[in-house]
N, C-alpha and C. Protein backbone atom coordinates (compact mmCIF):
# COMPACT_ATOMS: atom_id res chain seq x y z
N UNK A 1 -30.42 -22.90 -2.59
CA UNK A 1 -29.45 -24.25 -3.39
C UNK A 1 -28.02 -24.00 -2.71
N UNK A 2 -27.22 -24.73 -2.63
CA UNK A 2 -26.01 -24.47 -2.09
C UNK A 2 -24.70 -24.31 -3.57
N UNK A 3 -23.86 -23.07 -3.55
CA UNK A 3 -22.93 -22.81 -4.00
C UNK A 3 -21.88 -24.28 -4.82
N UNK A 4 -22.18 -24.53 -5.37
CA UNK A 4 -21.26 -25.61 -6.23
C UNK A 4 -20.07 -25.37 -6.00
N UNK A 5 -19.12 -26.47 -5.40
CA UNK A 5 -17.57 -26.02 -5.21
C UNK A 5 -16.88 -26.34 -6.32
N UNK A 6 -15.79 -25.24 -6.68
CA UNK A 6 -15.48 -25.22 -8.03
C UNK A 6 -13.58 -25.88 -7.54
N UNK A 7 -13.49 -26.58 -8.40
CA UNK A 7 -12.22 -27.90 -9.05
C UNK A 7 -11.01 -26.72 -8.73
N UNK A 8 -10.07 -27.12 -8.61
CA UNK A 8 -8.72 -26.59 -8.63
C UNK A 8 -8.94 -25.75 -9.89
N UNK A 9 -9.00 -26.56 -11.12
CA UNK A 9 -8.50 -26.25 -12.38
C UNK A 9 -10.13 -25.19 -12.98
N UNK A 10 -10.81 -25.19 -12.14
CA UNK A 10 -11.92 -24.04 -12.60
C UNK A 10 -11.50 -22.67 -11.39
N UNK A 11 -10.69 -22.83 -10.52
CA UNK A 11 -10.78 -21.95 -9.41
C UNK A 11 -9.18 -21.27 -10.20
N UNK A 12 -8.22 -22.01 -10.75
CA UNK A 12 -7.36 -21.32 -11.63
C UNK A 12 -8.19 -20.16 -13.22
N UNK A 13 -9.13 -21.25 -13.74
CA UNK A 13 -9.30 -20.88 -14.98
C UNK A 13 -10.14 -19.23 -14.68
N UNK A 14 -10.57 -18.94 -13.38
CA UNK A 14 -11.40 -17.92 -12.96
C UNK A 14 -10.60 -16.78 -12.44
N UNK A 15 -9.52 -17.28 -12.50
CA UNK A 15 -8.56 -16.40 -11.33
C UNK A 15 -7.41 -15.69 -13.15
N UNK A 16 -7.92 -16.19 -13.58
CA UNK A 16 -6.85 -15.64 -15.31
C UNK A 16 -7.77 -14.77 -15.57
N UNK A 17 -7.59 -13.27 -16.14
CA UNK A 17 -8.02 -12.24 -16.74
C UNK A 17 -8.00 -11.82 -17.78
N UNK A 18 -9.15 -12.61 -18.88
CA UNK A 18 -8.69 -12.81 -20.06
C UNK A 18 -9.00 -11.58 -20.90
N UNK A 19 -9.61 -10.19 -20.65
CA UNK A 19 -10.03 -8.67 -21.11
C UNK A 19 -8.76 -8.32 -20.38
N UNK A 20 -7.26 -8.28 -20.93
CA UNK A 20 -6.68 -7.82 -20.56
C UNK A 20 -6.04 -6.21 -20.58
N UNK A 21 -5.83 -5.25 -19.70
CA UNK A 21 -5.42 -3.99 -19.71
C UNK A 21 -4.33 -3.35 -20.73
N UNK A 22 -3.52 -4.77 -20.63
CA UNK A 22 -2.44 -4.10 -21.67
C UNK A 22 -1.01 -5.01 -21.92
N UNK A 23 -0.54 -5.27 -22.52
CA UNK A 23 0.27 -6.33 -22.85
C UNK A 23 1.92 -6.78 -21.99
N UNK A 24 1.82 -7.77 -21.44
CA UNK A 24 2.77 -8.33 -20.40
C UNK A 24 3.70 -9.36 -21.44
N UNK A 25 5.00 -9.24 -20.54
CA UNK A 25 5.13 -10.68 -20.98
C UNK A 25 4.59 -12.17 -21.26
N UNK A 26 5.06 -13.26 -22.54
CA UNK A 26 4.26 -14.13 -22.58
C UNK A 26 4.47 -14.90 -21.64
N UNK A 27 5.04 -15.05 -20.58
CA UNK A 27 5.48 -16.10 -19.43
C UNK A 27 4.48 -15.39 -18.39
N UNK A 28 3.83 -14.15 -18.20
CA UNK A 28 3.09 -13.35 -16.88
C UNK A 28 1.86 -13.80 -17.63
N UNK A 29 0.23 -13.40 -16.34
CA UNK A 29 -0.67 -13.84 -16.09
C UNK A 29 -1.31 -12.35 -15.99
N UNK A 30 -2.75 -12.68 -16.51
CA UNK A 30 -3.29 -11.57 -15.60
C UNK A 30 -4.27 -11.89 -14.78
N UNK A 31 -4.58 -12.08 -13.49
CA UNK A 31 -5.30 -12.17 -12.29
C UNK A 31 -5.73 -10.84 -11.44
N UNK A 32 -7.48 -11.62 -10.94
CA UNK A 32 -7.72 -10.61 -10.31
C UNK A 32 -6.99 -10.21 -8.71
N UNK A 33 -7.45 -9.50 -8.06
CA UNK A 33 -6.30 -8.62 -6.86
C UNK A 33 -6.81 -9.96 -5.68
N UNK A 34 -8.48 -10.28 -6.00
CA UNK A 34 -9.12 -10.97 -4.56
C UNK A 34 -9.06 -12.40 -5.46
N UNK A 35 -8.25 -12.91 -6.05
CA UNK A 35 -8.26 -14.41 -6.68
C UNK A 35 -6.72 -14.91 -5.91
N UNK A 36 -5.64 -13.41 -5.75
CA UNK A 36 -4.58 -13.87 -5.61
C UNK A 36 -3.98 -13.55 -4.21
N UNK A 37 -4.81 -12.69 -3.01
CA UNK A 37 -4.63 -12.38 -1.98
C UNK A 37 -5.76 -12.65 -1.03
N UNK A 38 -5.76 -12.32 0.48
CA UNK A 38 -7.05 -12.08 1.24
C UNK A 38 -7.45 -10.88 1.57
N UNK A 39 -8.40 -10.04 1.24
CA UNK A 39 -8.22 -8.44 1.62
C UNK A 39 -9.22 -8.74 3.01
N UNK A 40 -9.22 -7.47 3.57
CA UNK A 40 -9.46 -7.38 4.56
C UNK A 40 -9.61 -6.10 5.07
N UNK A 41 -11.30 -5.38 5.27
CA UNK A 41 -11.54 -4.21 5.56
C UNK A 41 -11.36 -4.20 7.39
N UNK A 42 -10.91 -2.85 7.56
CA UNK A 42 -10.47 -2.64 9.22
C UNK A 42 -11.82 -2.23 9.75
N UNK A 43 -12.12 -2.46 11.06
CA UNK A 43 -12.52 -1.93 12.19
C UNK A 43 -12.23 -1.52 13.40
N UNK A 44 -13.03 -0.64 14.19
CA UNK A 44 -13.13 0.28 15.31
C UNK A 44 -13.41 -0.62 16.38
N UNK A 45 -12.31 -1.02 17.49
CA UNK A 45 -13.37 -1.21 18.47
C UNK A 45 -13.78 0.01 19.18
N UNK A 46 -15.03 -0.28 19.95
CA UNK A 46 -15.34 0.72 20.65
C UNK A 46 -14.58 1.72 21.48
N UNK A 47 -14.72 3.04 20.78
CA UNK A 47 -14.25 3.59 22.14
C UNK A 47 -14.64 3.97 23.46
N UNK A 48 -15.73 3.39 23.56
CA UNK A 48 -16.52 3.97 24.62
C UNK A 48 -15.63 2.91 26.13
N UNK A 49 -15.02 1.60 25.22
CA UNK A 49 -14.18 1.30 26.68
C UNK A 49 -12.80 1.53 26.32
N UNK A 50 -12.20 1.89 27.56
CA UNK A 50 -11.16 2.70 27.45
C UNK A 50 -9.92 1.33 27.52
N UNK A 51 -10.27 -0.12 27.71
CA UNK A 51 -9.57 -0.64 28.05
C UNK A 51 -9.09 -1.56 27.05
N UNK A 52 -9.76 -0.79 25.18
CA UNK A 52 -9.38 -1.58 24.30
C UNK A 52 -8.14 -0.91 24.16
N UNK A 53 -7.86 0.28 24.25
CA UNK A 53 -6.90 1.01 23.90
C UNK A 53 -5.45 0.96 25.01
N UNK A 54 -3.87 0.91 24.54
CA UNK A 54 -2.96 0.79 24.60
C UNK A 54 -2.06 0.66 24.34
N UNK A 55 -0.94 -0.17 24.21
CA UNK A 55 0.22 0.05 23.94
C UNK A 55 0.38 -1.11 22.95
N UNK A 56 -0.40 -2.56 22.83
CA UNK A 56 0.13 -4.06 22.18
C UNK A 56 0.61 -3.67 20.76
N UNK A 57 -0.44 -3.09 19.91
CA UNK A 57 -0.68 -3.15 18.83
C UNK A 57 -1.17 -2.35 18.12
N UNK A 58 -0.02 -1.86 16.85
CA UNK A 58 -0.53 -0.61 16.42
C UNK A 58 -1.93 -0.27 15.44
N UNK A 59 -2.46 0.75 16.14
CA UNK A 59 -4.19 0.94 15.47
C UNK A 59 -3.72 1.86 13.95
N UNK A 60 -3.76 1.22 12.66
CA UNK A 60 -3.47 2.56 11.83
C UNK A 60 -4.33 2.68 11.42
N UNK A 61 -4.60 4.78 10.80
CA UNK A 61 -5.43 5.01 10.10
C UNK A 61 -4.63 5.61 9.28
N UNK A 62 -5.39 6.65 8.21
CA UNK A 62 -4.90 6.97 6.89
C UNK A 62 -3.76 7.75 7.26
N UNK A 63 -3.26 8.51 8.43
CA UNK A 63 -2.04 9.60 8.23
C UNK A 63 -1.09 8.88 8.47
N UNK A 64 -1.28 7.97 9.38
CA UNK A 64 -0.07 6.71 9.22
C UNK A 64 0.63 5.83 8.01
N UNK A 65 -0.43 6.28 6.94
CA UNK A 65 -0.15 5.53 5.86
C UNK A 65 1.42 6.52 4.75
N UNK A 66 1.42 7.25 5.60
CA UNK A 66 2.15 8.00 4.86
C UNK A 66 3.67 7.73 5.17
N UNK A 67 3.90 6.58 6.29
CA UNK A 67 5.12 5.99 6.34
C UNK A 67 5.33 5.45 5.22
N UNK A 68 4.83 5.07 4.12
CA UNK A 68 4.50 4.19 2.92
C UNK A 68 5.58 2.89 3.41
N UNK A 69 6.87 3.23 3.07
CA UNK A 69 7.21 1.40 2.28
C UNK A 69 7.63 0.87 3.48
N UNK A 70 7.70 1.65 4.79
CA UNK A 70 8.29 1.14 6.06
C UNK A 70 6.98 1.86 7.15
N UNK A 71 6.09 1.03 7.16
CA UNK A 71 5.37 1.52 8.06
C UNK A 71 5.76 0.47 9.80
N UNK A 72 6.18 1.21 10.38
CA UNK A 72 6.54 0.36 11.76
C UNK A 72 6.13 1.13 13.22
N UNK A 73 4.81 2.05 13.11
CA UNK A 73 4.19 2.68 13.98
C UNK A 73 3.40 3.55 13.91
N UNK A 74 2.06 3.35 14.74
CA UNK A 74 1.27 4.52 14.44
C UNK A 74 0.67 5.32 15.57
N UNK A 75 0.24 6.67 15.50
CA UNK A 75 -0.62 7.22 16.25
C UNK A 75 -1.23 7.36 17.55
N UNK A 76 -1.93 5.82 17.29
CA UNK A 76 -2.95 5.84 18.24
C UNK A 76 -2.23 3.83 18.58
N UNK A 77 -2.40 3.39 19.39
CA UNK A 77 -2.65 2.18 19.75
C UNK A 77 -3.87 1.21 20.41
N UNK A 78 -3.77 -0.12 20.35
CA UNK A 78 -4.37 -0.86 20.76
C UNK A 78 -3.87 -1.81 21.98
N UNK A 79 -4.56 -2.45 23.04
CA UNK A 79 -4.34 -2.74 23.92
C UNK A 79 -4.14 -4.50 23.56
N UNK A 80 -4.09 -5.59 24.51
CA UNK A 80 -4.33 -6.62 23.74
C UNK A 80 -5.55 -7.08 23.70
N UNK A 81 -6.52 -6.45 24.45
CA UNK A 81 -7.55 -6.59 24.43
C UNK A 81 -8.67 -6.50 23.34
N UNK A 82 -7.82 -5.15 23.16
CA UNK A 82 -8.80 -4.07 22.03
C UNK A 82 -8.39 -4.90 20.41
N UNK A 83 -6.62 -5.59 20.59
CA UNK A 83 -6.65 -6.40 19.06
C UNK A 83 -7.89 -7.41 18.88
N UNK A 84 -8.19 -8.34 20.15
CA UNK A 84 -9.49 -9.53 19.92
C UNK A 84 -10.23 -8.53 19.19
N UNK A 85 -10.66 -7.63 19.78
CA UNK A 85 -12.24 -7.04 18.58
C UNK A 85 -12.12 -6.46 17.21
N UNK A 86 -10.54 -6.10 16.92
CA UNK A 86 -9.83 -5.72 15.76
C UNK A 86 -9.90 -6.89 14.19
N UNK A 87 -9.37 -6.41 13.74
CA UNK A 87 -8.50 -7.89 12.50
C UNK A 87 -7.51 -7.22 12.58
N UNK A 88 -6.80 -7.99 12.75
CA UNK A 88 -4.98 -7.87 13.25
C UNK A 88 -4.84 -8.60 12.04
N UNK A 89 -3.39 -7.69 11.09
CA UNK A 89 -2.87 -8.23 9.94
C UNK A 89 -1.46 -8.45 10.77
N UNK A 90 -1.03 -9.42 9.47
CA UNK A 90 0.40 -9.86 9.73
C UNK A 90 1.78 -8.93 9.32
N UNK A 91 3.02 -8.61 9.66
CA UNK A 91 3.64 -8.03 8.82
C UNK A 91 3.60 -8.60 7.19
N UNK A 92 3.77 -7.45 6.58
CA UNK A 92 4.04 -7.64 5.14
C UNK A 92 2.68 -7.50 4.48
N UNK A 93 1.88 -7.13 5.35
CA UNK A 93 0.50 -6.82 4.81
C UNK A 93 0.51 -5.42 3.81
N UNK A 94 -0.43 -4.98 3.09
CA UNK A 94 -0.70 -3.84 2.02
C UNK A 94 -1.87 -3.73 2.52
N UNK A 95 -1.34 -2.02 3.22
CA UNK A 95 -3.00 -0.82 3.59
C UNK A 95 -2.90 -0.16 2.86
N UNK A 96 -3.90 -0.16 2.10
CA UNK A 96 -4.71 0.88 1.19
C UNK A 96 -5.81 1.93 1.58
N UNK A 97 -5.64 3.31 1.47
CA UNK A 97 -7.50 3.68 1.98
C UNK A 97 -7.96 3.87 0.60
N UNK A 98 -9.00 3.34 1.10
CA UNK A 98 -10.37 3.08 0.40
C UNK A 98 -11.21 3.80 0.72
N UNK A 99 -11.16 5.06 1.39
CA UNK A 99 -12.27 6.12 1.69
C UNK A 99 -11.67 7.78 1.87
N UNK A 100 -12.02 8.65 1.39
CA UNK A 100 -11.25 9.64 1.02
C UNK A 100 -10.04 10.10 0.25
N UNK A 101 -9.14 9.63 0.99
CA UNK A 101 -7.61 9.68 0.24
C UNK A 101 -7.25 8.45 -0.57
N UNK A 102 -8.20 8.17 -1.49
CA UNK A 102 -7.59 6.33 -2.31
C UNK A 102 -6.59 6.70 -3.00
N UNK A 103 -5.94 5.35 -2.48
CA UNK A 103 -4.93 4.87 -3.02
C UNK A 103 -3.63 5.02 -2.13
N UNK A 104 -3.69 5.76 -1.44
CA UNK A 104 -2.98 6.06 0.00
C UNK A 104 -2.48 4.37 0.58
N UNK A 105 -1.03 4.73 0.61
CA UNK A 105 -0.77 2.80 0.78
C UNK A 105 0.53 3.02 1.51
N UNK A 106 0.61 1.82 2.05
CA UNK A 106 2.01 1.65 3.57
C UNK A 106 1.68 0.17 3.26
N UNK A 107 3.16 -0.07 3.40
CA UNK A 107 3.39 -1.70 3.72
C UNK A 107 3.68 -2.13 5.03
N UNK A 108 3.41 -2.80 5.79
CA UNK A 108 3.12 -2.81 7.17
C UNK A 108 4.68 -3.86 7.32
N UNK A 109 5.38 -3.13 8.60
CA UNK A 109 6.77 -3.82 8.72
C UNK A 109 6.50 -4.64 10.28
N UNK A 110 5.53 -4.19 10.82
CA UNK A 110 4.86 -4.89 11.92
C UNK A 110 3.43 -5.44 11.81
N UNK A 111 2.92 -6.02 12.82
CA UNK A 111 1.77 -6.39 12.68
C UNK A 111 0.85 -5.56 13.24
N UNK A 112 0.06 -5.58 12.95
CA UNK A 112 -0.94 -4.07 13.28
C UNK A 112 -2.47 -4.03 12.98
N UNK A 113 -3.59 -3.53 13.25
CA UNK A 113 -4.84 -3.78 13.00
C UNK A 113 -5.14 -2.21 12.10
N UNK A 114 -6.06 -2.06 11.34
CA UNK A 114 -6.41 -0.40 10.37
C UNK A 114 -7.70 -0.54 10.82
N UNK A 115 -8.43 0.81 10.91
CA UNK A 115 -9.92 1.37 11.06
C UNK A 115 -10.56 0.76 9.84
N UNK A 116 -12.20 1.44 9.85
CA UNK A 116 -12.51 1.13 9.04
C UNK A 116 -12.29 2.01 7.33
N UNK A 117 -11.73 2.78 7.48
CA UNK A 117 -11.37 3.58 6.26
C UNK A 117 -9.80 2.68 5.51
N UNK A 118 -9.42 1.62 5.29
CA UNK A 118 -8.52 1.28 5.07
C UNK A 118 -8.89 -0.28 4.90
N UNK A 119 -8.41 -0.76 3.41
CA UNK A 119 -8.40 -1.43 2.84
C UNK A 119 -7.37 -2.69 3.06
N UNK A 120 -6.44 -4.03 3.65
CA UNK A 120 -5.72 -3.97 3.21
C UNK A 120 -5.40 -5.64 2.51
N UNK A 121 -4.40 -5.43 1.82
CA UNK A 121 -4.32 -6.70 1.13
C UNK A 121 -3.43 -7.61 1.70
N UNK A 122 -3.84 -9.19 2.04
CA UNK A 122 -2.23 -9.91 2.35
C UNK A 122 -2.44 -11.05 1.43
N UNK A 123 -1.27 -10.98 0.56
CA UNK A 123 -0.99 -11.92 -0.18
C UNK A 123 -1.01 -13.14 -0.22
N UNK A 124 -1.33 -14.11 -1.32
CA UNK A 124 -1.21 -15.47 -0.96
C UNK A 124 -0.61 -16.16 -1.80
N UNK A 125 -0.10 -15.91 -2.94
CA UNK A 125 0.55 -16.57 -3.74
C UNK A 125 1.06 -15.75 -4.88
N UNK A 126 1.95 -14.78 -4.06
CA UNK A 126 2.53 -13.41 -4.95
C UNK A 126 3.14 -12.90 -3.75
N UNK A 127 4.27 -12.48 -4.27
CA UNK A 127 5.42 -11.58 -3.36
C UNK A 127 5.00 -10.71 -2.87
N UNK A 128 4.99 -10.45 -1.59
CA UNK A 128 4.26 -9.14 -0.97
C UNK A 128 4.93 -7.37 -1.54
N UNK A 129 6.20 -7.49 -1.93
CA UNK A 129 6.54 -6.50 -1.60
C UNK A 129 6.29 -5.84 -3.69
N UNK A 130 6.29 -6.71 -4.10
CA UNK A 130 5.68 -6.95 -5.66
C UNK A 130 4.23 -6.37 -5.71
N UNK A 131 3.45 -6.85 -4.85
CA UNK A 131 2.44 -6.44 -4.85
C UNK A 131 1.99 -4.88 -4.45
N UNK A 132 2.66 -4.53 -3.33
CA UNK A 132 2.81 -3.11 -2.18
C UNK A 132 2.88 -1.98 -3.79
N UNK A 133 4.12 -2.74 -4.32
CA UNK A 133 4.95 -1.54 -5.44
C UNK A 133 3.64 -1.04 -6.89
N UNK A 134 2.99 -3.00 -7.36
CA UNK A 134 1.94 -2.61 -8.00
C UNK A 134 1.08 -1.80 -7.80
N UNK A 135 0.56 -1.65 -6.53
CA UNK A 135 -0.65 -0.92 -6.01
C UNK A 135 -0.32 0.55 -6.24
N UNK A 136 1.37 0.90 -6.09
CA UNK A 136 1.73 2.25 -6.19
C UNK A 136 1.64 2.73 -7.48
N UNK A 137 1.41 2.23 -8.42
CA UNK A 137 1.59 2.09 -9.73
C UNK A 137 0.49 2.90 -10.38
N UNK A 138 0.53 4.24 -11.64
CA UNK A 138 0.04 4.61 -11.80
C UNK A 138 -1.37 4.26 -12.77
N UNK A 139 -1.21 2.97 -13.18
CA UNK A 139 -2.33 2.10 -14.04
C UNK A 139 -3.57 1.94 -12.67
N UNK A 140 -2.49 1.18 -11.55
CA UNK A 140 -3.52 0.46 -10.40
C UNK A 140 -4.35 1.77 -9.47
N UNK A 141 -3.08 3.19 -9.12
CA UNK A 141 -4.22 4.36 -8.77
C UNK A 141 -5.38 4.42 -9.28
N UNK A 142 -5.30 4.65 -10.60
CA UNK A 142 -5.88 5.15 -11.38
C UNK A 142 -7.68 4.41 -11.37
N UNK A 143 -7.46 2.98 -11.59
CA UNK A 143 -8.31 1.95 -11.52
C UNK A 143 -9.09 2.25 -10.06
N UNK A 144 -7.94 2.31 -8.81
CA UNK A 144 -8.87 2.40 -7.80
C UNK A 144 -9.80 3.67 -7.77
N UNK A 145 -9.45 4.86 -8.65
CA UNK A 145 -10.22 5.73 -8.84
C UNK A 145 -11.40 6.02 -9.07
N UNK A 146 -10.76 5.18 -10.62
CA UNK A 146 -12.64 5.01 -11.61
C UNK A 146 -12.98 4.08 -10.95
N UNK A 147 -13.21 3.20 -9.98
CA UNK A 147 -13.94 2.00 -9.35
C UNK A 147 -14.08 2.40 -8.52
N UNK A 148 -14.27 3.68 -7.87
CA UNK A 148 -14.74 4.15 -6.53
C UNK A 148 -15.97 4.78 -7.09
N UNK A 149 -16.97 4.44 -5.53
CA UNK A 149 -18.11 5.25 -5.76
C UNK A 149 -18.12 6.71 -5.92
N UNK A 150 -19.09 7.26 -6.64
CA UNK A 150 -19.26 8.58 -6.58
C UNK A 150 -20.43 9.82 -5.93
N UNK A 151 -20.11 9.67 -4.31
CA UNK A 151 -20.54 10.11 -3.44
C UNK A 151 -19.75 11.00 -2.91
N UNK A 152 -19.88 11.60 -1.67
CA UNK A 152 -19.89 12.95 -1.66
C UNK A 152 -18.23 12.52 -1.07
N UNK A 153 -18.33 11.44 -0.89
CA UNK A 153 -16.88 10.95 -0.13
C UNK A 153 -16.61 9.92 -1.01
N UNK A 154 -15.54 10.02 -1.96
CA UNK A 154 -15.00 8.80 -3.09
C UNK A 154 -14.63 7.69 -1.91
N UNK A 155 -15.39 6.51 -2.44
CA UNK A 155 -15.01 5.46 -1.35
C UNK A 155 -15.02 3.84 -2.52
N UNK A 156 -14.13 2.97 -1.96
CA UNK A 156 -14.13 1.29 -3.37
C UNK A 156 -14.00 0.63 -2.48
N UNK A 157 -15.15 -0.15 -1.87
CA UNK A 157 -15.53 -1.33 -1.25
C UNK A 157 -14.31 -2.60 -1.46
N UNK A 158 -14.27 -3.37 -0.52
CA UNK A 158 -13.33 -5.02 -0.92
C UNK A 158 -13.87 -5.65 -2.11
N UNK A 159 -14.95 -5.48 -2.48
CA UNK A 159 -15.81 -6.31 -3.10
C UNK A 159 -14.88 -5.96 -4.53
N UNK A 160 -15.16 -4.62 -5.32
CA UNK A 160 -14.79 -4.18 -6.40
C UNK A 160 -13.20 -4.10 -6.19
N UNK A 161 -12.29 -3.53 -5.44
CA UNK A 161 -11.10 -3.52 -5.28
C UNK A 161 -10.79 -5.32 -5.85
N UNK A 162 -11.36 -6.02 -5.21
CA UNK A 162 -10.81 -7.93 -5.55
C UNK A 162 -11.07 -7.88 -6.58
N UNK A 163 -11.78 -7.39 -7.68
CA UNK A 163 -11.91 -7.43 -9.35
C UNK A 163 -10.98 -6.92 -10.10
N UNK A 164 -9.88 -5.74 -8.88
CA UNK A 164 -9.25 -5.25 -9.86
C UNK A 164 -8.00 -6.33 -10.34
N UNK A 165 -7.58 -5.95 -11.78
CA UNK A 165 -7.00 -6.66 -12.28
C UNK A 165 -5.00 -6.72 -11.64
N UNK A 166 -4.31 -8.30 -12.07
CA UNK A 166 -3.15 -7.33 -11.65
C UNK A 166 -1.92 -8.83 -12.84
N UNK A 167 -1.02 -7.97 -12.85
CA UNK A 167 -0.18 -8.88 -14.01
C UNK A 167 0.80 -9.34 -12.95
N UNK A 168 0.83 -10.79 -13.25
CA UNK A 168 1.94 -11.69 -12.61
C UNK A 168 2.80 -12.17 -13.20
N UNK A 169 4.03 -11.99 -12.67
CA UNK A 169 5.37 -12.55 -13.21
C UNK A 169 5.55 -13.58 -12.89
N UNK A 170 6.23 -15.04 -13.35
CA UNK A 170 6.99 -15.67 -12.07
C UNK A 170 7.25 -14.91 -11.00
N UNK A 171 7.57 -16.32 -10.00
CA UNK A 171 7.85 -16.14 -8.33
C UNK A 171 9.53 -15.30 -8.60
N UNK A 172 10.33 -15.99 -9.36
CA UNK A 172 11.41 -15.38 -9.78
C UNK A 172 11.68 -14.30 -10.21
N UNK A 173 10.92 -13.83 -10.64
CA UNK A 173 10.70 -12.53 -11.75
C UNK A 173 10.18 -11.40 -10.93
N UNK A 174 8.98 -11.94 -9.70
CA UNK A 174 8.79 -11.20 -9.28
C UNK A 174 9.54 -10.50 -8.39
N UNK A 175 10.66 -11.58 -7.79
CA UNK A 175 11.61 -10.64 -6.79
C UNK A 175 12.51 -9.90 -7.27
N UNK A 176 13.11 -10.33 -8.89
CA UNK A 176 14.11 -9.89 -9.50
C UNK A 176 13.31 -8.01 -9.57
N UNK A 177 12.41 -8.32 -9.71
CA UNK A 177 11.51 -6.75 -10.17
C UNK A 177 11.68 -5.79 -8.83
N UNK A 178 11.29 -6.38 -7.75
CA UNK A 178 11.06 -5.75 -6.26
C UNK A 178 12.65 -5.38 -6.01
N UNK A 179 13.82 -6.02 -6.39
CA UNK A 179 15.20 -5.95 -6.47
C UNK A 179 15.36 -4.61 -6.79
N UNK A 180 15.15 -4.76 -8.43
CA UNK A 180 15.43 -3.97 -8.95
C UNK A 180 14.90 -2.54 -8.98
N UNK A 181 13.38 -2.37 -8.47
CA UNK A 181 12.47 -1.18 -8.04
C UNK A 181 13.20 -0.59 -6.53
N UNK A 182 13.89 -1.44 -5.89
CA UNK A 182 14.35 -0.85 -4.73
C UNK A 182 15.16 -0.61 -4.65
N UNK A 183 16.77 -1.07 -5.66
CA UNK A 183 17.47 -0.53 -6.08
C UNK A 183 17.89 1.06 -6.57
N UNK A 184 16.95 1.03 -7.64
CA UNK A 184 16.50 2.19 -8.22
C UNK A 184 16.07 3.05 -7.66
N UNK A 185 14.98 3.01 -6.20
CA UNK A 185 14.18 4.19 -5.54
C UNK A 185 16.01 4.28 -4.86
N UNK A 186 16.68 3.59 -4.01
CA UNK A 186 17.58 4.03 -3.27
C UNK A 186 18.33 5.18 -3.66
N UNK A 187 18.53 5.09 -5.30
CA UNK A 187 19.43 5.97 -6.00
C UNK A 187 19.02 7.52 -6.27
N UNK A 188 17.50 7.35 -6.57
CA UNK A 188 16.82 8.08 -6.71
C UNK A 188 17.02 9.12 -5.05
N UNK A 189 16.59 8.29 -3.77
CA UNK A 189 16.97 8.86 -3.09
C UNK A 189 17.90 9.69 -2.36
N UNK A 190 18.88 8.82 -2.72
CA UNK A 190 20.16 9.26 -2.56
C UNK A 190 20.44 10.43 -3.69
N UNK A 191 20.17 10.50 -4.86
CA UNK A 191 20.06 11.48 -5.93
C UNK A 191 19.20 12.97 -5.50
N UNK A 192 18.05 12.66 -4.57
CA UNK A 192 17.31 13.46 -3.87
C UNK A 192 18.14 14.63 -2.57
N UNK A 193 18.69 13.61 -1.72
CA UNK A 193 19.38 13.63 -1.02
C UNK A 193 20.32 15.00 -1.38
N UNK A 194 21.66 14.50 -2.16
CA UNK A 194 22.54 15.51 -3.04
C UNK A 194 21.79 16.60 -3.20
N UNK A 195 20.57 17.15 -4.11
CA UNK A 195 20.04 17.62 -4.87
C UNK A 195 19.92 18.76 -3.86
N UNK A 196 19.26 18.59 -2.45
CA UNK A 196 18.77 19.03 -1.35
C UNK A 196 20.24 19.73 -0.96
N UNK A 197 21.31 19.30 -0.74
CA UNK A 197 22.87 19.41 0.04
C UNK A 197 23.13 20.58 -0.46
N UNK A 198 22.96 20.38 -1.86
CA UNK A 198 23.24 21.53 -2.86
C UNK A 198 22.85 22.93 -3.10
N UNK A 199 21.28 22.38 -2.65
CA UNK A 199 20.48 23.95 -2.83
C UNK A 199 20.61 24.10 -1.67
N UNK A 200 20.54 23.82 -0.74
CA UNK A 200 21.33 24.77 0.84
C UNK A 200 22.64 25.16 0.56
N UNK A 201 23.53 25.03 -0.04
CA UNK A 201 24.77 25.36 -0.05
C UNK A 201 25.15 26.70 -0.98
N UNK A 202 23.71 26.06 -1.90
CA UNK A 202 23.64 27.43 -3.00
C UNK A 202 23.07 28.55 -2.05
N UNK A 203 22.29 28.13 -1.47
CA UNK A 203 21.50 29.32 -0.23
C UNK A 203 22.21 30.28 0.12
N UNK A 204 23.13 29.43 0.88
CA UNK A 204 24.28 29.93 1.77
C UNK A 204 25.79 30.92 0.61
N UNK A 205 25.68 30.34 -0.14
CA UNK A 205 26.65 30.92 -0.57
C UNK A 205 25.89 32.37 -1.46
N UNK A 206 25.04 32.31 -2.23
CA UNK A 206 24.57 33.66 -1.88
C UNK A 206 24.43 35.10 -0.84
N UNK A 207 23.78 34.27 0.07
CA UNK A 207 23.54 34.71 1.47
C UNK A 207 25.51 35.30 1.64
N UNK A 208 26.37 34.91 1.65
CA UNK A 208 27.69 35.24 1.43
C UNK A 208 27.85 36.22 0.72
N UNK A 209 27.53 36.17 -0.91
CA UNK A 209 28.12 37.26 -1.46
C UNK A 209 27.44 38.76 -1.25
N UNK A 210 25.95 37.99 -0.94
CA UNK A 210 25.60 39.46 -0.57
C UNK A 210 25.95 39.91 0.55
N UNK A 211 26.44 39.37 1.40
CA UNK A 211 26.79 39.83 2.97
C UNK A 211 28.24 40.51 2.44
N UNK A 212 28.80 40.17 1.51
CA UNK A 212 30.63 40.48 1.15
C UNK A 212 30.45 41.84 0.44
N UNK A 213 29.43 41.86 -0.35
CA UNK A 213 29.38 42.69 -1.51
C UNK A 213 28.81 44.53 -0.53
N UNK A 214 28.13 44.01 0.71
CA UNK A 214 27.92 45.25 1.15
C UNK A 214 28.70 45.16 2.56
N UNK A 215 29.89 44.51 3.04
CA UNK A 215 31.10 45.39 3.87
C UNK A 215 32.48 45.12 2.99
N UNK A 216 32.49 45.99 1.55
CA UNK A 216 33.48 46.17 1.08
C UNK A 216 34.44 45.17 0.43
N UNK A 217 33.51 43.75 0.31
CA UNK A 217 34.60 42.65 -0.12
C UNK A 217 34.10 42.25 -1.72
């Protein structure tokens, strides 16, 4: 029997999570990740065909996700022919490791494809960076782990990932939140840089003091 086609109202009703994980502002709603985005599990074009690999499209693996907010390259590349055999993701996709190092995440600043260890999120009706930063949140990271399969290597599949809840602010509020996060993170990075510079200066000063102490100064 063919599955009954849902009306727009039914789709919207189904998208809302009623058993909310925690309280959010009244004008926010909770939704399932799979209802506000397209989830894509990567694949690997055959290694037997060397023509699939070249310099055209980044072929992203878990180690490449260490680039975090600004993923622009990968250690391995696909040719245009190989890209036809892969699942190419648009710029602005969020790549999340779903096998082993579950939760490692990066934001694609270029078009690319991933291997099967990564599930990628392509937001449909939500600010891309809003989803990226939410995926990095402690709550969502815990949910990824708790919903993974207890095998030799932890795995969370696309279906389970799509069931995870996301707190949705109005679109303008999403952008404001992203702007605030990036502003504060920039300040933290600057503070870290200054601390590291001070630490280097501190170590150099200690060396000078010790040197001077033993040359009669």
